[in-house]
Amino acid sequence: MPKTAGALTTDPVVIIGGGFAGLVAAKELKRNKIPFVLFEGGKNIGGLAQTFTDEQGFKYDLGTHIITNRLARKLGITDQCRDVLYFGESIWLNGRLRSYPFGLLGNKKYLIDALRSRLRFPLLRRHENLQERFIQEYGKAFATEVAIPLIEGLTGSPAHTLAADVGDKLPGIFRTIYLKLGGLFTGKAIAIGYCRELPESWNVWHVYPNEGIKMLSERLAAEVNDHIQLNADVSRIIVGSDGVKGVEVNENIIPTSVVISTAPVNILSQLIDGANDLSYLYHFQYSGMICVTIMCEGKRILPDATLWTPEDRYSFFRLTEPSYSMPWVSPPGKSVITADIGCKPGDNSWDLPDEDWYNAVLIQLSEIIPGIRKCLLGYKVLRVKFAYPIYYKQYEPLRRQFIKTSGVKGLYSIGRNGEFSHLLMEDVYVRTIQKMKEVISICKY
């Protein structure tokens, strides 16, 4: 079992955070026989990769998680995963459903406007902000009615204040069509936009662990359990003129020359003691998210597995029904619908009672699914403080610099929050493995 944090007598590599990235780093260190200790501030490992099971047998994750068969193979859990049966996305706009991307191609306004934009701007260039990029890539109509409202709903920030690099996460329309056709040909839920570090292809599709996304963390933790210390409050990373010297954990000083952090970067900046090299990270911001999960009688209640809702009339920017694609995550004949709402601590609505959020979502959801009230079984409201990094254009050069190096010798930052990058789970795995190669080379030689 993981231990409670206490004093150590050796100088191991220190990992801060027991989420997916921290556990991947721990596994690599153990595989290479590098001494280390992982400090997790909470009482459980897993970070955002959590799966909850209620008394009725419903399973739901903290946010929307899904992985690829390629990642499952790398983690050695292929036999514990099932293929996702279907993974469709649609947009609900003006009371109509349009599938992505084929349904949108049937909208003459969007299609003609996009072609005009491409003729006017035949070569992609460096854009001043995300709003400009979306308009030039997708045409003004689709950009202003769909793409921009969705990104603003997710981040809570105007698109003209965001860096154009936010758009790098989204696959191009022709690439999307190619991969969608692959799904029709292979009968698989081909992964689209879920992996950037490795090539997307017809051979990479979505799978989901039998026991939920928490299985990934549990499997990794089982291999490094003796190195994990829970309830470990890391209050300082001590830095000298020549790099990392140690960390303070539960008022104990732990000597070390290498720290691997998964902490949100604005928190990391406050942990540094002895150098101001990372003080700029304090101003980096994350969007939060409130997830209202509703348990229902029936299957395939939504018109698609994922429904994007760009109109201002909806407080949520996305609706998902996991059992649409993975029937086994809900009891027979039942399902869950999750409404994702962009909101962060400090907003007036963040601390609204759970019941108020539920009622607000239910009123809006009734416009899309008129009979939803007849099949309600319960609800759960979850709050995610650090959901997505917000790429403000004002600090974009600094963000790119930080991704390459922390600037502090012996300090490495990994994971979505740690790299301040729009990474999903396979990319987190790949990028963490890449950084660990550097750490291991330093520790061995």
Protein backbone atom coordinates (compact mmCIF):
# COMPACT_ATOMS: atom_id res chain seq x y z
CA MET A 1 0.00 0.00 0.00
CA PRO A 2 1.16 3.61 -0.58
CA LYS A 3 2.73 5.17 2.47
CA THR A 4 2.08 8.42 4.28
CA ALA A 5 4.74 11.01 3.46
CA GLY A 6 7.71 11.17 5.79
CA ALA A 7 11.43 11.86 5.79
CA LEU A 8 13.74 10.00 3.36
CA THR A 9 17.42 9.19 3.78
CA THR A 10 18.36 8.89 0.08
CA ASP A 11 18.38 11.36 -2.81
CA PRO A 12 15.79 9.94 -5.22
CA VAL A 13 14.18 11.61 -8.19
CA VAL A 14 11.02 13.32 -6.89
CA ILE A 15 7.76 13.11 -8.82
CA ILE A 16 5.05 15.57 -7.79
CA GLY A 17 1.55 14.30 -8.56
CA GLY A 18 0.02 10.84 -8.89
CA GLY A 19 -2.06 11.36 -12.01
CA PHE A 20 -1.58 9.53 -15.28
CA ALA A 21 1.59 11.42 -16.33
CA GLY A 22 3.24 11.06 -12.93
CA LEU A 23 2.56 7.33 -12.87
CA VAL A 24 3.93 6.86 -16.40
CA ALA A 25 7.09 8.69 -15.31
CA ALA A 26 7.32 6.50 -12.21
CA LYS A 27 7.03 3.31 -14.24
CA GLU A 28 9.84 4.42 -16.56
CA LEU A 29 12.12 5.24 -13.63
CA LYS A 30 11.48 1.87 -12.04
CA ARG A 31 12.04 0.06 -15.33
CA ASN A 32 15.44 1.77 -15.57
CA LYS A 33 16.27 1.13 -11.90
CA ILE A 34 16.40 4.85 -11.03
CA PRO A 35 15.59 5.56 -7.34
CA PHE A 36 12.51 7.78 -7.00
CA VAL A 37 9.56 8.69 -4.83
CA LEU A 38 6.16 9.94 -5.96
CA PHE A 39 4.37 12.45 -3.73
CA GLU A 40 0.59 12.75 -4.18
CA GLY A 41 -1.15 15.49 -2.23
CA GLY A 42 -4.49 13.68 -2.04
CA LYS A 43 -5.58 10.41 -0.55
CA ASN A 44 -5.98 8.69 -3.95
CA ILE A 45 -3.92 8.35 -7.11
CA GLY A 46 -5.28 9.01 -10.60
CA GLY A 47 -5.71 12.77 -10.85
CA LEU A 48 -8.40 13.52 -13.42
CA ALA A 49 -8.42 9.92 -14.64
CA GLN A 50 -11.19 8.92 -12.24
CA THR A 51 -14.19 6.67 -12.71
CA PHE A 52 -17.11 6.74 -10.31
CA THR A 53 -19.61 3.93 -9.78
CA ASP A 54 -22.84 4.67 -7.89
CA GLU A 55 -25.20 2.36 -6.02
CA GLN A 56 -27.30 1.86 -9.16
CA GLY A 57 -24.34 0.55 -11.15
CA PHE A 58 -23.77 3.65 -13.31
CA LYS A 59 -20.15 4.36 -14.23
CA TYR A 60 -19.02 7.82 -15.24
CA ASP A 61 -15.67 9.54 -15.55
CA LEU A 62 -14.45 12.88 -14.29
CA GLY A 63 -14.83 14.59 -17.64
CA THR A 64 -14.81 12.89 -21.03
CA HIS A 65 -12.07 10.27 -21.36
CA ILE A 66 -11.44 7.75 -24.09
CA ILE A 67 -8.25 6.05 -25.27
CA THR A 68 -6.88 4.35 -28.36
CA ASN A 69 -6.07 0.70 -29.01
CA ARG A 70 -2.46 1.81 -29.53
CA LEU A 71 -2.23 3.26 -26.00
CA ALA A 72 -3.95 0.21 -24.53
CA ARG A 73 -1.32 -1.97 -26.21
CA LYS A 74 1.55 0.14 -24.84
CA LEU A 75 0.08 -0.10 -21.33
CA GLY A 76 -0.46 -3.84 -21.63
CA ILE A 77 -4.22 -3.66 -21.03
CA THR A 78 -5.55 -4.65 -24.44
CA ASP A 79 -7.25 -7.71 -22.97
CA GLN A 80 -9.00 -5.54 -20.39
CA CYS A 81 -10.47 -3.14 -22.97
CA ARG A 82 -13.39 -3.32 -25.39
CA ASP A 83 -13.70 -1.61 -28.74
CA VAL A 84 -15.87 1.48 -28.66
CA LEU A 85 -18.83 0.57 -30.86
CA TYR A 86 -19.44 4.03 -32.27
CA PHE A 87 -18.01 7.49 -31.77
CA GLY A 88 -20.04 10.11 -33.61
CA GLU A 89 -20.13 13.88 -33.23
CA SER A 90 -22.88 16.25 -34.27
CA ILE A 91 -23.70 19.92 -33.89
CA TRP A 92 -27.08 21.11 -32.63
CA LEU A 93 -27.82 24.46 -34.22
CA ASN A 94 -31.10 26.31 -34.74
CA GLY A 95 -33.02 23.28 -33.58
CA ARG A 96 -31.42 21.04 -36.20
CA LEU A 97 -28.90 18.24 -36.00
CA ARG A 98 -25.92 18.25 -38.33
CA SER A 99 -23.41 15.41 -38.20
CA TYR A 100 -19.70 16.24 -38.26
CA PRO A 101 -18.28 16.51 -40.85
CA PHE A 102 -20.62 15.13 -43.54
CA GLY A 103 -23.77 16.89 -42.37
CA LEU A 104 -21.98 20.24 -42.34
CA LEU A 105 -20.79 19.72 -45.90
CA GLY A 106 -24.44 19.69 -46.91
CA ASN A 107 -24.88 23.24 -45.62
CA LYS A 108 -24.39 25.35 -48.75
CA LYS A 109 -23.72 28.50 -46.77
CA TYR A 110 -20.86 26.92 -44.86
CA LEU A 111 -19.45 25.13 -47.89
CA ILE A 112 -19.50 28.13 -50.23
CA ASP A 113 -18.13 30.46 -47.56
CA ALA A 114 -15.30 28.02 -46.76
CA LEU A 115 -14.36 27.69 -50.45
CA ARG A 116 -14.35 31.47 -50.85
CA SER A 117 -12.10 31.79 -47.82
CA ARG A 118 -9.66 29.21 -49.18
CA LEU A 119 -9.55 30.97 -52.55
CA ARG A 120 -8.94 34.28 -50.83
CA PHE A 121 -6.30 32.84 -48.49
CA PRO A 122 -4.78 29.92 -50.49
CA LEU A 123 -1.74 29.59 -48.23
CA LEU A 124 -1.99 29.15 -44.48
CA ARG A 125 0.06 31.79 -42.72
CA ARG A 126 0.80 32.77 -39.16
CA HIS A 127 -2.35 34.24 -37.70
CA GLU A 128 -2.62 36.98 -35.12
CA ASN A 129 -5.23 35.16 -33.03
CA LEU A 130 -7.60 32.21 -33.03
CA GLN A 131 -10.55 34.19 -34.37
CA GLU A 132 -8.58 35.17 -37.47
CA ARG A 133 -7.40 31.61 -37.98
CA PHE A 134 -10.86 30.08 -37.74
CA ILE A 135 -12.35 32.59 -40.18
CA GLN A 136 -9.63 31.97 -42.75
CA GLU A 137 -9.63 28.18 -42.40
CA TYR A 138 -13.37 27.50 -42.11
CA GLY A 139 -14.99 30.59 -43.61
CA LYS A 140 -16.72 33.34 -41.66
CA ALA A 141 -20.13 31.66 -41.43
CA PHE A 142 -19.00 28.40 -39.81
CA ALA A 143 -16.36 30.17 -37.73
CA THR A 144 -18.73 32.72 -36.20
CA GLU A 145 -21.71 30.41 -35.77
CA VAL A 146 -19.98 27.22 -34.61
CA ALA A 147 -16.20 27.10 -34.10
CA ILE A 148 -15.70 30.38 -32.25
CA PRO A 149 -18.70 30.05 -29.89
CA LEU A 150 -17.61 26.53 -28.93
CA ILE A 151 -14.04 27.52 -28.09
CA GLU A 152 -15.28 30.56 -26.20
CA GLY A 153 -17.69 28.37 -24.25
CA LEU A 154 -14.88 26.02 -23.33
CA THR A 155 -12.32 28.68 -22.34
CA GLY A 156 -14.61 31.46 -21.17
CA SER A 157 -12.50 33.88 -23.23
CA PRO A 158 -13.07 35.83 -26.48
CA ALA A 159 -11.45 34.11 -29.47
CA HIS A 160 -9.55 37.25 -30.47
CA THR A 161 -7.62 37.07 -27.16
CA LEU A 162 -6.52 33.47 -27.78
CA ALA A 163 -3.42 32.32 -29.60
CA ALA A 164 -3.91 30.80 -33.03
CA ASP A 165 -2.13 27.66 -31.84
CA VAL A 166 -5.33 26.54 -30.11
CA GLY A 167 -6.44 25.44 -33.57
CA ASP A 168 -3.56 22.98 -33.84
CA LYS A 169 -5.58 20.54 -31.72
CA LEU A 170 -8.29 20.31 -34.38
CA PRO A 171 -7.71 18.03 -37.39
CA GLY A 172 -8.29 19.51 -40.83
CA ILE A 173 -11.58 18.85 -42.60
CA PHE A 174 -10.02 16.68 -45.34
CA ARG A 175 -8.10 14.64 -42.78
CA THR A 176 -11.30 14.19 -40.79
CA ILE A 177 -13.20 12.98 -43.86
CA TYR A 178 -10.43 10.50 -44.69
CA LEU A 179 -10.46 9.05 -41.17
CA LYS A 180 -14.26 8.95 -41.04
CA LEU A 181 -14.28 6.97 -44.27
CA GLY A 182 -11.80 4.63 -42.61
CA GLY A 183 -14.32 4.03 -39.85
CA LEU A 184 -17.02 3.17 -42.39
CA PHE A 185 -14.67 0.77 -44.15
CA THR A 186 -13.22 -0.97 -41.06
CA GLY A 187 -16.25 -0.82 -38.79
CA LYS A 188 -14.10 0.75 -36.06
CA ALA A 189 -14.48 4.01 -34.16
CA ILE A 190 -11.37 5.56 -35.70
CA ALA A 191 -9.60 8.06 -33.42
CA ILE A 192 -9.78 11.59 -34.85
CA GLY A 193 -8.04 14.45 -33.04
CA TYR A 194 -7.00 12.24 -30.12
CA CYS A 195 -3.33 11.82 -30.98
CA ARG A 196 -0.92 14.39 -32.41
CA GLU A 197 2.42 12.96 -31.37
CA LEU A 198 1.86 9.76 -33.36
CA PRO A 199 0.21 9.37 -36.79
CA GLU A 200 -3.55 8.95 -37.01
CA SER A 201 -4.67 6.16 -39.31
CA TRP A 202 -7.35 3.58 -39.99
CA ASN A 203 -5.41 1.26 -37.64
CA VAL A 204 -5.89 3.48 -34.59
CA TRP A 205 -9.33 3.34 -33.03
CA HIS A 206 -11.06 4.01 -29.72
CA VAL A 207 -11.25 1.49 -26.92
CA TYR A 208 -12.36 1.77 -23.31
CA PRO A 209 -11.23 -0.17 -20.22
CA ASN A 210 -13.80 -2.57 -18.77
CA GLU A 211 -13.51 -1.00 -15.33
CA GLY A 212 -13.43 2.60 -16.50
CA ILE A 213 -10.62 5.06 -17.14
CA LYS A 214 -9.38 4.71 -13.55
CA MET A 215 -8.01 1.32 -14.61
CA LEU A 216 -5.08 3.02 -16.37
CA SER A 217 -3.88 4.67 -13.18
CA GLU A 218 -4.56 1.62 -11.05
CA ARG A 219 -2.57 -0.60 -13.41
CA LEU A 220 0.40 1.79 -13.42
CA ALA A 221 0.25 2.37 -9.66
CA ALA A 222 0.30 -1.36 -8.94
CA GLU A 223 3.78 -1.51 -10.50
CA VAL A 224 5.23 1.34 -8.40
CA ASN A 225 3.10 1.17 -5.25
CA ASP A 226 6.07 1.00 -2.86
CA HIS A 227 7.33 4.33 -4.20
CA ILE A 228 4.05 6.26 -3.73
CA GLN A 229 3.40 8.47 -0.71
CA LEU A 230 -0.13 9.84 -0.33
CA ASN A 231 -1.29 12.90 1.61
CA ALA A 232 2.07 14.42 0.76
CA ASP A 233 1.89 18.21 0.72
CA VAL A 234 4.76 19.54 -1.38
CA SER A 235 5.13 23.15 -0.26
CA ARG A 236 8.49 24.10 -1.79
CA ILE A 237 10.89 23.16 -4.57
CA ILE A 238 14.27 24.40 -3.35
CA VAL A 239 16.45 25.76 -6.16
CA GLY A 240 20.03 26.96 -6.05
CA SER A 241 22.24 28.69 -8.58
CA ASP A 242 23.03 25.35 -10.22
CA GLY A 243 19.54 23.87 -10.19
CA VAL A 244 17.20 21.84 -8.00
CA LYS A 245 18.40 21.08 -4.46
CA GLY A 246 15.39 19.50 -2.80
CA VAL A 247 11.70 19.68 -1.94
CA GLU A 248 9.82 20.35 1.26
CA VAL A 249 7.11 17.76 1.91
CA ASN A 250 4.94 17.83 5.02
CA GLU A 251 7.59 20.08 6.63
CA ASN A 252 10.41 17.63 5.83
CA ILE A 253 13.24 18.60 3.48
CA ILE A 254 13.92 15.89 0.90
CA PRO A 255 17.26 16.33 -0.94
CA THR A 256 17.09 15.77 -4.68
CA SER A 257 18.60 17.14 -7.86
CA VAL A 258 15.71 16.13 -10.15
CA VAL A 259 12.03 17.02 -9.77
CA ILE A 260 9.34 15.91 -12.21
CA SER A 261 6.22 18.01 -11.71
CA THR A 262 2.68 17.42 -12.94
CA ALA A 263 1.33 20.43 -11.06
CA PRO A 264 -0.54 23.18 -12.93
CA VAL A 265 2.13 25.65 -13.97
CA ASN A 266 0.66 28.61 -12.12
CA ILE A 267 0.92 26.56 -8.92
CA LEU A 268 4.40 25.34 -9.85
CA SER A 269 5.59 28.94 -10.05
CA GLN A 270 4.59 29.44 -6.41
CA LEU A 271 6.46 26.33 -5.26
CA ILE A 272 9.83 27.50 -6.56
CA ASP A 273 12.04 28.82 -3.76
CA GLY A 274 15.40 30.33 -4.68
CA ALA A 275 14.89 31.41 -8.30
CA ASN A 276 12.50 33.69 -10.17
CA ASP A 277 12.97 32.02 -13.55
CA LEU A 278 9.41 30.68 -13.57
CA SER A 279 7.54 33.59 -12.00
CA TYR A 280 5.88 34.33 -15.36
CA LEU A 281 3.95 31.06 -15.11
CA TYR A 282 1.84 32.50 -12.31
CA HIS A 283 -0.17 34.41 -14.93
CA PHE A 284 -1.01 31.35 -17.03
CA GLN A 285 -4.68 30.43 -16.70
CA TYR A 286 -6.74 27.27 -16.98
CA SER A 287 -10.40 26.92 -17.78
CA GLY A 288 -12.49 24.98 -15.31
CA MET A 289 -15.46 22.79 -16.03
CA ILE A 290 -18.63 21.73 -14.31
CA CYS A 291 -19.91 18.31 -15.37
CA VAL A 292 -23.61 17.69 -14.74
CA THR A 293 -24.25 13.96 -15.17
CA ILE A 294 -27.87 12.82 -15.45
CA MET A 295 -28.91 9.18 -15.06
CA CYS A 296 -31.77 8.08 -17.30
CA GLU A 297 -33.95 5.16 -18.30
CA GLY A 298 -33.37 4.14 -21.91
CA LYS A 299 -30.49 3.98 -24.35
CA ARG A 300 -29.35 6.38 -27.08
CA ILE A 301 -31.35 9.27 -25.73
CA LEU A 302 -29.19 11.92 -27.39
CA PRO A 303 -29.30 12.11 -31.20
CA ASP A 304 -25.55 11.33 -31.25
CA ALA A 305 -22.83 10.16 -28.88
CA THR A 306 -21.37 13.68 -28.66
CA LEU A 307 -23.46 16.76 -29.29
CA TRP A 308 -21.83 20.19 -29.57
CA THR A 309 -24.06 23.15 -28.70
CA PRO A 310 -22.56 26.48 -29.84
CA GLU A 311 -25.60 28.71 -29.25
CA ASP A 312 -25.64 31.15 -26.34
CA ARG A 313 -29.00 29.81 -25.19
CA TYR A 314 -27.23 26.76 -23.74
CA SER A 315 -24.99 26.99 -20.70
CA PHE A 316 -23.23 23.77 -21.75
CA PHE A 317 -21.00 23.58 -24.82
CA ARG A 318 -21.08 19.79 -25.08
CA LEU A 319 -23.38 16.86 -24.29
CA THR A 320 -22.12 13.29 -24.23
CA GLU A 321 -23.82 9.94 -23.77
CA PRO A 322 -21.03 7.37 -23.14
CA SER A 323 -23.38 4.39 -23.18
CA TYR A 324 -24.31 5.36 -26.77
CA SER A 325 -20.89 4.04 -27.71
CA MET A 326 -20.18 1.80 -24.72
CA PRO A 327 -23.44 0.22 -23.50
CA TRP A 328 -21.65 -1.69 -20.76
CA VAL A 329 -20.86 1.44 -18.69
CA SER A 330 -24.52 1.70 -17.63
CA PRO A 331 -26.94 -0.91 -16.27
CA PRO A 332 -29.10 -2.66 -18.89
CA GLY A 333 -31.69 -0.32 -20.38
CA LYS A 334 -30.19 2.77 -18.75
CA SER A 335 -27.71 5.50 -19.64
CA VAL A 336 -26.01 8.69 -18.46
CA ILE A 337 -25.87 12.07 -20.18
CA THR A 338 -23.15 14.53 -19.18
CA ALA A 339 -23.39 18.25 -19.83
CA ASP A 340 -20.01 20.02 -19.84
CA ILE A 341 -20.09 23.67 -18.79
CA GLY A 342 -17.13 26.04 -19.04
CA CYS A 343 -16.76 27.63 -15.61
CA LYS A 344 -13.88 28.19 -13.20
CA PRO A 345 -13.36 28.97 -9.51
CA GLY A 346 -14.04 32.65 -8.90
CA ASP A 347 -16.90 32.85 -11.41
CA ASN A 348 -20.22 33.82 -9.85
CA SER A 349 -21.78 30.55 -10.94
CA TRP A 350 -19.01 28.21 -9.78
CA ASP A 351 -20.43 27.77 -6.28
CA LEU A 352 -24.07 27.48 -7.27
CA PRO A 353 -25.76 24.57 -5.48
CA ASP A 354 -25.71 21.29 -7.39
CA GLU A 355 -29.49 21.32 -7.61
CA ASP A 356 -29.46 24.70 -9.35
CA TRP A 357 -27.03 23.43 -11.98
CA TYR A 358 -29.10 20.31 -12.49
CA ASN A 359 -32.34 22.25 -12.94
CA ALA A 360 -30.73 24.74 -15.33
CA VAL A 361 -29.30 21.95 -17.49
CA LEU A 362 -32.58 20.04 -17.42
CA ILE A 363 -34.56 23.04 -18.69
CA GLN A 364 -32.16 23.52 -21.60
CA LEU A 365 -31.84 19.81 -22.29
CA SER A 366 -35.62 19.56 -22.59
CA GLU A 367 -35.43 21.72 -25.72
CA ILE A 368 -33.25 19.09 -27.38
CA ILE A 369 -34.90 16.01 -25.85
CA PRO A 370 -38.53 16.95 -25.06
CA GLY A 371 -39.27 13.74 -23.15
CA ILE A 372 -36.17 13.77 -20.94
CA ARG A 373 -38.12 14.44 -17.72
CA LYS A 374 -40.01 11.16 -18.07
CA CYS A 375 -36.87 9.02 -17.80
CA LEU A 376 -34.88 10.72 -15.02
CA LEU A 377 -33.25 8.55 -12.35
CA GLY A 378 -30.86 10.95 -10.61
CA TYR A 379 -27.91 13.25 -11.14
CA LYS A 380 -24.37 14.05 -10.03
CA VAL A 381 -22.45 17.32 -10.33
CA LEU A 382 -18.63 17.25 -10.51
CA ARG A 383 -16.30 20.26 -10.64
CA VAL A 384 -12.94 20.25 -12.42
CA LYS A 385 -10.72 23.19 -11.44
CA PHE A 386 -8.08 22.60 -14.11
CA ALA A 387 -9.79 21.35 -17.26
CA TYR A 388 -7.93 22.95 -20.20
CA PRO A 389 -4.97 25.34 -20.53
CA ILE A 390 -6.02 28.68 -21.99
CA TYR A 391 -3.62 29.80 -24.71
CA TYR A 392 -3.81 33.57 -24.38
CA LYS A 393 -1.86 35.22 -27.18
CA GLN A 394 -0.21 37.58 -24.68
CA TYR A 395 1.91 34.77 -23.24
CA GLU A 396 2.11 32.43 -26.22
CA PRO A 397 5.89 32.93 -26.80
CA LEU A 398 6.53 32.09 -23.15
CA ARG A 399 4.30 29.01 -23.36
CA ARG A 400 6.27 27.68 -26.32
CA GLN A 401 9.52 28.36 -24.51
CA PHE A 402 8.34 26.49 -21.42
CA ILE A 403 7.31 23.41 -23.44
CA LYS A 404 10.94 23.09 -24.60
CA THR A 405 12.55 23.62 -21.20
CA SER A 406 11.63 24.79 -17.72
CA GLY A 407 14.78 26.92 -17.60
CA VAL A 408 15.69 25.42 -14.22
CA LYS A 409 18.27 22.64 -14.22
CA GLY A 410 16.79 19.41 -12.92
CA LEU A 411 13.16 20.55 -13.13
CA TYR A 412 10.85 18.84 -15.62
CA SER A 413 7.14 19.46 -16.12
CA ILE A 414 4.90 16.78 -17.66
CA GLY A 415 1.24 16.07 -18.39
CA ARG A 416 -1.51 18.34 -19.67
CA ASN A 417 -1.39 20.69 -16.69
CA GLY A 418 2.36 20.39 -16.25
CA GLU A 419 3.20 21.17 -19.87
CA PHE A 420 0.34 23.64 -20.19
CA SER A 421 -0.62 22.00 -23.45
CA HIS A 422 -3.77 20.57 -25.04
CA LEU A 423 -2.79 16.93 -24.62
CA LEU A 424 -5.04 13.89 -24.48
CA MET A 425 -4.00 10.64 -22.87
CA GLU A 426 -1.98 9.05 -25.67
CA ASP A 427 -0.06 12.27 -26.27
CA VAL A 428 0.56 12.61 -22.52
CA TYR A 429 2.02 9.11 -22.55
CA VAL A 430 4.24 9.70 -25.59
CA ARG A 431 5.53 13.09 -24.43
CA THR A 432 6.18 11.82 -20.91
CA ILE A 433 8.20 8.89 -22.25
CA GLN A 434 10.22 11.32 -24.38
CA LYS A 435 11.04 13.56 -21.41
CA MET A 436 11.90 10.59 -19.22
CA LYS A 437 14.59 9.54 -21.70
CA GLU A 438 16.41 12.78 -20.91
CA VAL A 439 15.90 12.34 -17.15
CA ILE A 440 17.17 8.76 -17.25
CA SER A 441 20.24 9.70 -19.28
CA ILE A 442 21.13 12.34 -16.69
CA CYS A 443 20.57 9.99 -13.76
CA LYS A 444 22.60 7.13 -15.28
CA TYR A 445 25.51 9.17 -16.50
